[in-house]
Amino acid sequence: MLIVSGVVLTVYYEPSVSQVVYDGTYAPLRGLPMSRALDSTLRLSFDVRGGLLVRQVHHWSTLLMVAAITLHLLRLFFTAGFRRPRRLGWLVVFGLLVITLGASLTGTSLPDDVASGTSLAVLDGVLQATPFVGSAVSYVLFGGEFPGDVISRFYPLHVIVLPAVLLLLFAAGGYLSLKQKPAQFADGRTKTAKVAAVQGAGLFAFVAGVAIVMGATATINPVWLYGPADPAAVSAGVGPAWYLAFLDGSLRLAPGWEVVLWGKTISLAVLLPVGVCTLFLALVAGWPFIEARLTGDKAEHHVLERPRDNPIRTGIGVAGMTFYGVLWAAAGADTIAVQFHLSMNLLLHMFQVLLVIGPPAALFLARRICLGLQQSATEVAEHGVETGRIIRRPDGGYVEVHRPARRRPTELTSH
């Protein structure tokens, strides 16, 4: 869906920051100077038949793709589908996620409206806060002083380089899947290649239908409401896409610390959250190797685990999700404060406390739940499954009938 809609968009989009005066269909912006990039985006939205649908399908498909890759990573993590000999497959999926995030970031910057301009201003601020090399990196990226001509650099990345890398990673993932075959659960649940192909085709049709319905009925990224990019303009209530919100949330929660080293002021308010988020992503990428090193596990595994069977790993995974979730929610602190009439500062302090105590509490709770499920499974194995049938014993007492765990309900009925 991304490729098909993206090809259509490239036909009408002009990656240029040269100024024109808008004289298109949308009356509120008529006569306003803007870049050719925004002008072509507006013409695509209002003057090309089906153009707005294609734009919105492209945007919604991006969100669905990031969500699908994220869920796939979570499934691999909680079922231990990353262990030898599938550690390379984990890195491929993680690479897909990172490249998709890069493609999404470059794509949202192309309309050259106020929202995308604000995102680029934040990016420029992060780069400028990097000690010693930040200014040079920002100058190269933007082709001069901000805002420069970043579109001429992001456009080939978005439509050629990053899609090519994505296709290579998808091909690598497919090759590894055919070579190693996906790991299966211990109960023997598996499916043939024919069944998998039919299910895949049906799922593709379903996802395509959902993306089209969402594109036709749910407005997303209405650039005509924001107007052309302006370094001095900011839109209240407009935040990053959900998959990049944790980065924005980390910047909001970081304390405003600064230090002076070698005559240069270094802002920890930017470096600290960027460093923490980078470390978090590095831990996710290297987890298969970290776990193997900590446990000394060098064996090959072709059977998946249930999350309850490894309480520590499951607890760590839930703690990581909680850490990400707090940062994600903090990105919308301003909107939450307005909607619920709360103090912005109080809300940020609450998120800071949650960021510290939330992950350990989530780890403890998830581990206890897993241990409880293990105990319940042990009791079922020892005493059987409760049937709900109460019988009276010869001595007058009442007991519930249990059936063996290995026996199916149909077998009990037949008896």
Protein backbone atom coordinates (compact mmCIF):
# COMPACT_ATOMS: atom_id res chain seq x y z
CA MET A 1 0.00 0.00 0.00
CA LEU A 2 2.87 2.37 0.76
CA ILE A 3 4.64 1.67 -2.50
CA VAL A 4 1.56 1.99 -4.70
CA SER A 5 0.35 5.20 -3.06
CA GLY A 6 3.89 6.59 -2.92
CA VAL A 7 4.42 6.11 -6.65
CA VAL A 8 1.24 8.07 -7.36
CA LEU A 9 2.31 10.88 -5.05
CA THR A 10 5.72 11.28 -6.70
CA VAL A 11 4.01 12.05 -10.01
CA TYR A 12 2.45 15.26 -8.65
CA TYR A 13 4.78 16.33 -5.86
CA GLU A 14 7.49 18.96 -6.50
CA PRO A 15 10.47 18.74 -4.07
CA SER A 16 11.38 22.41 -4.23
CA VAL A 17 11.48 25.25 -1.70
CA SER A 18 11.36 27.96 -4.38
CA GLN A 19 8.55 30.41 -3.65
CA VAL A 20 5.28 30.71 -5.57
CA VAL A 21 1.94 32.40 -4.87
CA TYR A 22 -0.86 29.91 -4.26
CA ASP A 23 -3.86 30.34 -6.57
CA GLY A 24 -5.45 26.92 -6.19
CA THR A 25 -8.88 25.70 -5.09
CA TYR A 26 -8.48 26.17 -1.33
CA ALA A 27 -9.67 29.77 -0.87
CA PRO A 28 -8.27 30.57 2.65
CA LEU A 29 -4.69 30.20 1.39
CA ARG A 30 -5.17 31.82 -2.02
CA GLY A 31 -2.66 34.60 -2.65
CA LEU A 32 -0.29 33.40 0.09
CA PRO A 33 3.39 32.84 -0.80
CA MET A 34 4.60 29.30 -0.17
CA SER A 35 7.09 26.76 -1.42
CA ARG A 36 6.44 24.65 -4.49
CA ALA A 37 6.47 21.63 -2.19
CA LEU A 38 3.44 22.84 -0.24
CA ASP A 39 1.77 24.23 -3.37
CA SER A 40 2.01 20.83 -5.08
CA THR A 41 0.76 19.10 -1.92
CA LEU A 42 -2.30 21.36 -1.81
CA ARG A 43 -2.99 20.86 -5.52
CA LEU A 44 -2.66 17.12 -5.04
CA SER A 45 -5.16 17.30 -2.16
CA PHE A 46 -7.79 19.52 -3.81
CA ASP A 47 -7.29 19.51 -7.59
CA VAL A 48 -6.22 15.93 -8.44
CA ARG A 49 -9.07 13.43 -8.57
CA GLY A 50 -8.52 10.99 -5.73
CA GLY A 51 -5.35 12.79 -4.68
CA LEU A 52 -6.40 13.41 -1.09
CA LEU A 53 -7.44 9.76 -0.73
CA VAL A 54 -4.03 8.60 -1.98
CA ARG A 55 -2.23 11.01 0.39
CA GLN A 56 -4.20 9.81 3.39
CA VAL A 57 -3.89 6.13 2.47
CA HIS A 58 -0.13 6.66 2.27
CA HIS A 59 -0.07 8.27 5.71
CA TRP A 60 -2.36 5.71 7.39
CA SER A 61 -0.41 2.85 5.81
CA THR A 62 2.75 4.22 7.39
CA LEU A 63 1.15 4.13 10.83
CA LEU A 64 -0.12 0.59 10.25
CA MET A 65 3.27 -0.59 9.04
CA VAL A 66 5.14 0.77 12.06
CA ALA A 67 2.53 -0.77 14.36
CA ALA A 68 2.80 -4.15 12.59
CA ILE A 69 6.60 -4.25 12.83
CA THR A 70 6.45 -3.21 16.50
CA LEU A 71 3.93 -5.94 17.33
CA HIS A 72 6.06 -8.46 15.44
CA LEU A 73 9.11 -7.50 17.52
CA LEU A 74 7.07 -7.85 20.72
CA ARG A 75 5.83 -11.29 19.66
CA LEU A 76 9.37 -12.44 18.92
CA PHE A 77 10.58 -11.09 22.26
CA PHE A 78 7.90 -12.55 24.52
CA THR A 79 7.95 -15.97 22.80
CA ALA A 80 11.77 -16.12 22.59
CA GLY A 81 11.70 -16.25 18.81
CA PHE A 82 15.02 -14.38 18.72
CA ARG A 83 17.29 -17.13 20.10
CA ARG A 84 19.89 -18.99 18.09
CA PRO A 85 19.80 -19.58 15.16
CA ARG A 86 17.36 -16.68 14.60
CA ARG A 87 19.31 -13.81 16.11
CA LEU A 88 20.07 -12.39 12.66
CA GLY A 89 16.35 -12.42 11.90
CA TRP A 90 15.76 -10.28 14.99
CA LEU A 91 18.29 -7.74 13.73
CA VAL A 92 16.58 -7.69 10.33
CA VAL A 93 13.19 -6.93 11.91
CA PHE A 94 14.74 -4.26 14.13
CA GLY A 95 16.41 -2.79 11.05
CA LEU A 96 13.02 -2.69 9.34
CA LEU A 97 11.65 -0.71 12.26
CA VAL A 98 14.52 1.81 12.27
CA ILE A 99 14.46 2.33 8.50
CA THR A 100 10.67 2.71 8.54
CA LEU A 101 10.99 5.36 11.25
CA GLY A 102 13.59 7.15 9.11
CA ALA A 103 11.36 6.98 6.04
CA SER A 104 8.44 8.30 8.09
CA LEU A 105 10.48 11.19 9.46
CA THR A 106 11.71 12.23 6.03
CA GLY A 107 8.23 11.83 4.55
CA THR A 108 6.44 14.02 7.11
CA SER A 109 8.90 16.82 6.36
CA LEU A 110 8.15 16.96 2.63
CA PRO A 111 4.87 19.00 2.64
CA ASP A 112 6.79 22.01 4.06
CA ASP A 113 3.90 23.17 6.24
CA VAL A 114 4.04 24.61 9.76
CA ALA A 115 3.77 21.18 11.44
CA SER A 116 6.65 19.69 9.46
CA GLY A 117 8.64 22.89 9.90
CA THR A 118 8.22 22.66 13.67
CA SER A 119 9.49 19.05 13.63
CA LEU A 120 12.55 20.15 11.66
CA ALA A 121 13.14 22.99 14.13
CA VAL A 122 13.18 20.45 16.98
CA LEU A 123 15.59 18.28 14.97
CA ASP A 124 17.84 21.28 14.36
CA GLY A 125 17.79 22.10 18.08
CA VAL A 126 18.83 18.56 18.99
CA LEU A 127 21.66 18.64 16.47
CA GLN A 128 22.83 22.06 17.60
CA ALA A 129 22.97 20.81 21.20
CA THR A 130 25.39 18.04 20.25
CA PRO A 131 28.82 19.11 21.51
CA PHE A 132 31.57 20.08 19.05
CA VAL A 133 30.02 18.57 15.88
CA GLY A 134 26.36 19.58 16.17
CA SER A 135 26.54 22.82 14.22
CA ALA A 136 28.48 21.20 11.38
CA VAL A 137 26.05 18.28 11.14
CA SER A 138 23.08 20.66 11.10
CA TYR A 139 24.73 22.77 8.37
CA VAL A 140 25.29 19.71 6.18
CA LEU A 141 21.80 18.29 6.75
CA PHE A 142 19.93 21.51 6.03
CA GLY A 143 22.26 22.70 3.29
CA GLY A 144 23.16 25.85 5.20
CA GLU A 145 21.63 27.69 8.13
CA PHE A 146 18.23 26.39 9.23
CA PRO A 147 15.76 26.05 7.54
CA GLY A 148 17.97 25.77 4.44
CA ASP A 149 16.85 23.32 1.75
CA VAL A 150 16.33 20.08 3.64
CA ILE A 151 13.68 18.87 1.18
CA SER A 152 16.26 18.41 -1.59
CA ARG A 153 18.09 16.00 0.75
CA PHE A 154 15.12 14.25 2.35
CA TYR A 155 13.26 13.63 -0.91
CA PRO A 156 15.77 11.19 -2.51
CA LEU A 157 16.17 9.50 0.86
CA HIS A 158 12.42 9.06 1.18
CA VAL A 159 11.62 7.86 -2.34
CA ILE A 160 14.78 5.98 -3.36
CA VAL A 161 17.37 5.17 -0.69
CA LEU A 162 15.25 4.13 2.29
CA PRO A 163 12.66 2.18 0.24
CA ALA A 164 15.52 0.28 -1.42
CA VAL A 165 16.96 -0.59 1.98
CA LEU A 166 13.50 -1.69 3.17
CA LEU A 167 13.09 -4.00 0.19
CA LEU A 168 16.52 -5.50 0.82
CA LEU A 169 15.65 -6.11 4.46
CA PHE A 170 12.32 -7.68 3.53
CA ALA A 171 14.14 -9.94 1.06
CA ALA A 172 16.71 -10.85 3.73
CA GLY A 173 13.95 -11.61 6.21
CA GLY A 174 12.17 -13.82 3.68
CA TYR A 175 15.37 -15.68 2.87
CA LEU A 176 16.12 -16.30 6.56
CA SER A 177 12.56 -17.47 7.14
CA LEU A 178 12.78 -20.00 4.31
CA LYS A 179 16.23 -21.15 5.36
CA GLN A 180 15.56 -21.58 9.07
CA LYS A 181 11.78 -22.00 9.11
CA PRO A 182 9.85 -20.16 11.84
CA ALA A 183 10.01 -21.62 15.33
CA GLN A 184 6.84 -23.35 16.52
CA PHE A 185 5.14 -23.77 19.87
CA ALA A 186 5.62 -27.02 21.76
CA ASP A 187 2.02 -28.11 21.20
CA GLY A 188 2.77 -28.66 17.51
CA ARG A 189 0.71 -25.77 16.17
CA THR A 190 1.92 -25.28 12.61
CA LYS A 191 0.55 -24.60 9.15
CA THR A 192 1.52 -25.55 5.66
CA ALA A 193 2.94 -23.14 3.09
CA LYS A 194 -0.35 -23.26 1.18
CA VAL A 195 -2.39 -22.30 4.24
CA ALA A 196 0.09 -19.54 5.12
CA ALA A 197 -0.11 -18.15 1.56
CA VAL A 198 -3.92 -18.08 1.62
CA GLN A 199 -3.97 -16.44 5.03
CA GLY A 200 -1.37 -13.90 3.91
CA ALA A 201 -3.40 -12.97 0.82
CA GLY A 202 -6.54 -12.60 2.91
CA LEU A 203 -4.75 -10.48 5.48
CA PHE A 204 -3.32 -8.24 2.76
CA ALA A 205 -6.82 -7.69 1.33
CA PHE A 206 -8.13 -6.88 4.80
CA VAL A 207 -5.32 -4.42 5.61
CA ALA A 208 -5.67 -2.77 2.20
CA GLY A 209 -9.40 -2.35 2.79
CA VAL A 210 -8.86 -0.89 6.25
CA ALA A 211 -6.24 1.56 4.94
CA ILE A 212 -8.57 2.72 2.15
CA VAL A 213 -11.55 3.13 4.49
CA MET A 214 -9.41 5.12 6.94
CA GLY A 215 -8.02 7.25 4.10
CA ALA A 216 -11.54 7.96 2.85
CA THR A 217 -13.17 8.77 6.20
CA ALA A 218 -10.50 9.92 8.69
CA THR A 219 -8.58 13.13 8.01
CA ILE A 220 -4.89 13.02 8.83
CA ASN A 221 -2.18 15.66 8.40
CA PRO A 222 -4.45 18.45 7.06
CA VAL A 223 -1.63 20.70 5.86
CA TRP A 224 -4.10 23.30 4.56
CA LEU A 225 -5.04 24.13 8.16
CA TYR A 226 -1.43 24.81 9.17
CA GLY A 227 -0.22 26.94 6.30
CA PRO A 228 3.32 27.29 4.92
CA ALA A 229 6.34 26.58 7.11
CA ASP A 230 7.67 29.53 9.08
CA PRO A 231 10.59 29.27 11.53
CA ALA A 232 8.84 31.81 13.77
CA ALA A 233 5.47 29.98 13.81
CA VAL A 234 4.45 27.04 16.01
CA SER A 235 1.11 25.21 16.13
CA ALA A 236 -0.24 24.40 19.59
CA GLY A 237 -1.54 20.86 20.06
CA VAL A 238 0.32 19.46 17.05
CA GLY A 239 2.74 16.73 18.06
CA PRO A 240 4.85 14.10 16.30
CA ALA A 241 3.41 10.87 14.94
CA TRP A 242 2.78 8.27 17.63
CA TYR A 243 5.86 6.22 16.77
CA LEU A 244 8.18 9.21 17.32
CA ALA A 245 6.32 10.63 20.32
CA PHE A 246 8.58 8.90 22.83
CA LEU A 247 11.49 11.05 21.61
CA ASP A 248 9.47 14.22 22.11
CA GLY A 249 8.30 12.99 25.51
CA SER A 250 11.88 12.38 26.64
CA LEU A 251 12.78 15.99 25.76
CA ARG A 252 9.84 17.26 27.80
CA LEU A 253 10.70 15.23 30.89
CA ALA A 254 14.43 15.96 30.93
CA PRO A 255 15.53 18.44 33.61
CA GLY A 256 17.01 21.70 32.34
CA TRP A 257 20.61 20.95 33.29
CA GLU A 258 23.59 22.61 31.64
CA VAL A 259 27.33 22.29 32.16
CA VAL A 260 30.26 24.31 30.82
CA LEU A 261 33.23 22.32 29.51
CA TRP A 262 36.25 23.85 27.75
CA GLY A 263 34.41 27.14 27.47
CA LYS A 264 31.37 25.58 25.77
CA THR A 265 27.89 25.26 27.25
CA ILE A 266 26.56 21.71 26.94
CA SER A 267 22.82 21.23 27.41
CA LEU A 268 22.08 17.98 29.22
CA ALA A 269 18.39 18.76 28.74
CA VAL A 270 18.89 17.55 25.16
CA LEU A 271 21.85 15.19 25.37
CA LEU A 272 20.42 13.19 28.29
CA PRO A 273 17.08 12.24 26.66
CA VAL A 274 18.73 11.58 23.28
CA GLY A 275 21.36 9.40 24.97
CA VAL A 276 18.77 7.50 27.03
CA CYS A 277 16.53 6.82 24.00
CA THR A 278 19.54 5.73 21.94
CA LEU A 279 20.62 3.37 24.72
CA PHE A 280 17.08 1.99 24.94
CA LEU A 281 17.01 1.21 21.21
CA ALA A 282 20.52 -0.28 21.40
CA LEU A 283 19.40 -2.62 24.20
CA VAL A 284 16.42 -3.71 22.12
CA ALA A 285 18.63 -4.43 19.11
CA GLY A 286 21.23 -6.33 21.10
CA TRP A 287 18.91 -8.21 23.47
CA PRO A 288 19.40 -11.66 21.86
CA PHE A 289 23.13 -11.39 22.43
CA ILE A 290 22.74 -9.85 25.90
CA GLU A 291 20.43 -12.64 27.09
CA ALA A 292 22.65 -15.37 25.64
CA ARG A 293 25.66 -13.85 27.41
CA LEU A 294 23.86 -13.49 30.75
CA THR A 295 22.35 -17.00 30.71
CA GLY A 296 25.25 -18.76 28.99
CA ASP A 297 22.79 -20.24 26.49
CA LYS A 298 24.64 -21.34 23.33
CA ALA A 299 22.17 -23.99 22.17
CA GLU A 300 19.92 -23.74 19.12
CA HIS A 301 16.21 -23.40 19.81
CA HIS A 302 13.39 -24.31 17.44
CA VAL A 303 10.55 -24.28 19.99
CA LEU A 304 8.94 -21.08 21.20
CA GLU A 305 8.28 -20.31 24.87
CA ARG A 306 5.12 -19.03 26.45
CA PRO A 307 5.72 -15.69 28.20
CA ARG A 308 4.83 -17.22 31.58
CA ASP A 309 7.63 -19.78 31.21
CA ASN A 310 10.29 -17.06 31.52
CA PRO A 311 9.06 -14.56 34.14
CA ILE A 312 12.28 -12.50 34.18
CA ARG A 313 12.33 -11.90 30.42
CA THR A 314 8.60 -11.15 30.40
CA GLY A 315 9.02 -8.72 33.29
CA ILE A 316 11.87 -6.95 31.51
CA GLY A 317 9.76 -6.70 28.36
CA VAL A 318 6.80 -5.21 30.24
CA ALA A 319 9.16 -2.80 32.01
CA GLY A 320 10.49 -1.67 28.61
CA MET A 321 6.94 -1.18 27.34
CA THR A 322 6.12 0.87 30.43
CA PHE A 323 9.23 3.02 29.95
CA TYR A 324 8.27 3.64 26.32
CA GLY A 325 4.61 4.23 27.26
CA VAL A 326 5.41 6.92 29.84
CA LEU A 327 7.60 8.80 27.36
CA TRP A 328 4.92 8.37 24.70
CA ALA A 329 2.21 9.77 26.97
CA ALA A 330 4.43 12.66 28.09
CA ALA A 331 4.59 13.89 24.48
CA GLY A 332 0.92 14.84 24.79
CA ALA A 333 1.22 16.45 28.22
CA ASP A 334 0.18 19.87 26.92
CA THR A 335 -2.98 18.51 25.30
CA ILE A 336 -3.79 16.39 28.37
CA ALA A 337 -3.37 19.43 30.62
CA VAL A 338 -5.76 21.50 28.50
CA GLN A 339 -8.39 18.79 28.11
CA PHE A 340 -8.46 17.81 31.80
CA HIS A 341 -7.76 21.29 33.22
CA LEU A 342 -4.56 20.20 34.96
CA SER A 343 -1.36 22.03 35.76
CA MET A 344 1.22 21.44 33.04
CA ASN A 345 4.09 21.45 35.53
CA LEU A 346 2.30 19.06 37.88
CA LEU A 347 1.58 16.71 34.99
CA LEU A 348 5.22 16.68 33.89
CA HIS A 349 6.36 15.96 37.45
CA MET A 350 3.92 13.05 37.61
CA PHE A 351 5.35 11.63 34.39
CA GLN A 352 8.89 12.04 35.74
CA VAL A 353 7.97 10.03 38.84
CA LEU A 354 6.24 7.39 36.71
CA LEU A 355 9.31 7.12 34.51
CA VAL A 356 11.39 6.20 37.55
CA ILE A 357 9.03 3.91 39.50
CA GLY A 358 6.86 2.60 36.64
CA PRO A 359 9.29 0.15 34.94
CA PRO A 360 10.44 -1.58 38.17
CA ALA A 361 6.85 -1.87 39.37
CA ALA A 362 5.79 -3.29 35.98
CA LEU A 363 8.66 -5.82 36.09
CA PHE A 364 7.66 -6.98 39.59
CA LEU A 365 3.96 -7.23 38.74
CA ALA A 366 4.51 -9.05 35.43
CA ARG A 367 6.88 -11.52 37.08
CA ARG A 368 4.36 -12.27 39.84
CA ILE A 369 1.61 -12.83 37.27
CA CYS A 370 3.82 -15.25 35.34
CA LEU A 371 4.66 -17.17 38.51
CA GLY A 372 0.98 -17.32 39.38
CA LEU A 373 0.14 -18.70 35.94
CA GLN A 374 2.89 -21.30 36.31
CA GLN A 375 1.49 -22.38 39.67
CA SER A 376 -2.01 -22.59 38.21
CA ALA A 377 -0.71 -24.75 35.34
CA THR A 378 1.05 -27.03 37.83
CA GLU A 379 -2.14 -27.47 39.86
CA VAL A 380 -4.08 -28.32 36.71
CA ALA A 381 -1.46 -30.88 35.72
CA GLU A 382 -1.54 -32.47 39.18
CA HIS A 383 -5.26 -32.34 39.96
CA GLY A 384 -6.88 -31.98 36.55
CA VAL A 385 -9.26 -29.40 35.11
CA GLU A 386 -12.30 -28.25 37.05
CA THR A 387 -15.53 -29.45 35.41
CA GLY A 388 -18.10 -27.59 37.53
CA ARG A 389 -19.77 -30.89 38.50
CA ILE A 390 -20.28 -31.39 42.24
CA ILE A 391 -20.88 -34.91 43.58
CA ARG A 392 -21.62 -36.22 47.04
CA ARG A 393 -19.26 -38.75 48.54
CA PRO A 394 -20.43 -41.76 50.54
CA ASP A 395 -19.35 -40.06 53.78
CA GLY A 396 -21.65 -37.11 53.05
CA GLY A 397 -19.01 -34.65 51.84
CA TYR A 398 -19.14 -32.82 48.52
CA VAL A 399 -16.31 -32.61 45.99
CA GLU A 400 -15.90 -31.24 42.49
CA VAL A 401 -15.11 -33.64 39.67
CA HIS A 402 -11.83 -32.96 37.87
CA ARG A 403 -10.85 -34.36 34.51
CA PRO A 404 -7.24 -35.04 33.50
CA ALA A 405 -5.57 -32.09 31.80
CA ARG A 406 -4.57 -34.24 28.84
CA ARG A 407 -8.16 -35.28 28.17
CA ARG A 408 -10.17 -33.14 25.81
CA PRO A 409 -13.69 -31.93 26.67
CA THR A 410 -15.11 -34.07 23.85
CA GLU A 411 -13.61 -37.15 25.51
CA LEU A 412 -15.29 -36.29 28.80
CA THR A 413 -18.62 -35.88 27.03
CA SER A 414 -18.28 -39.22 25.29
CA HIS A 415 -17.74 -40.90 28.64
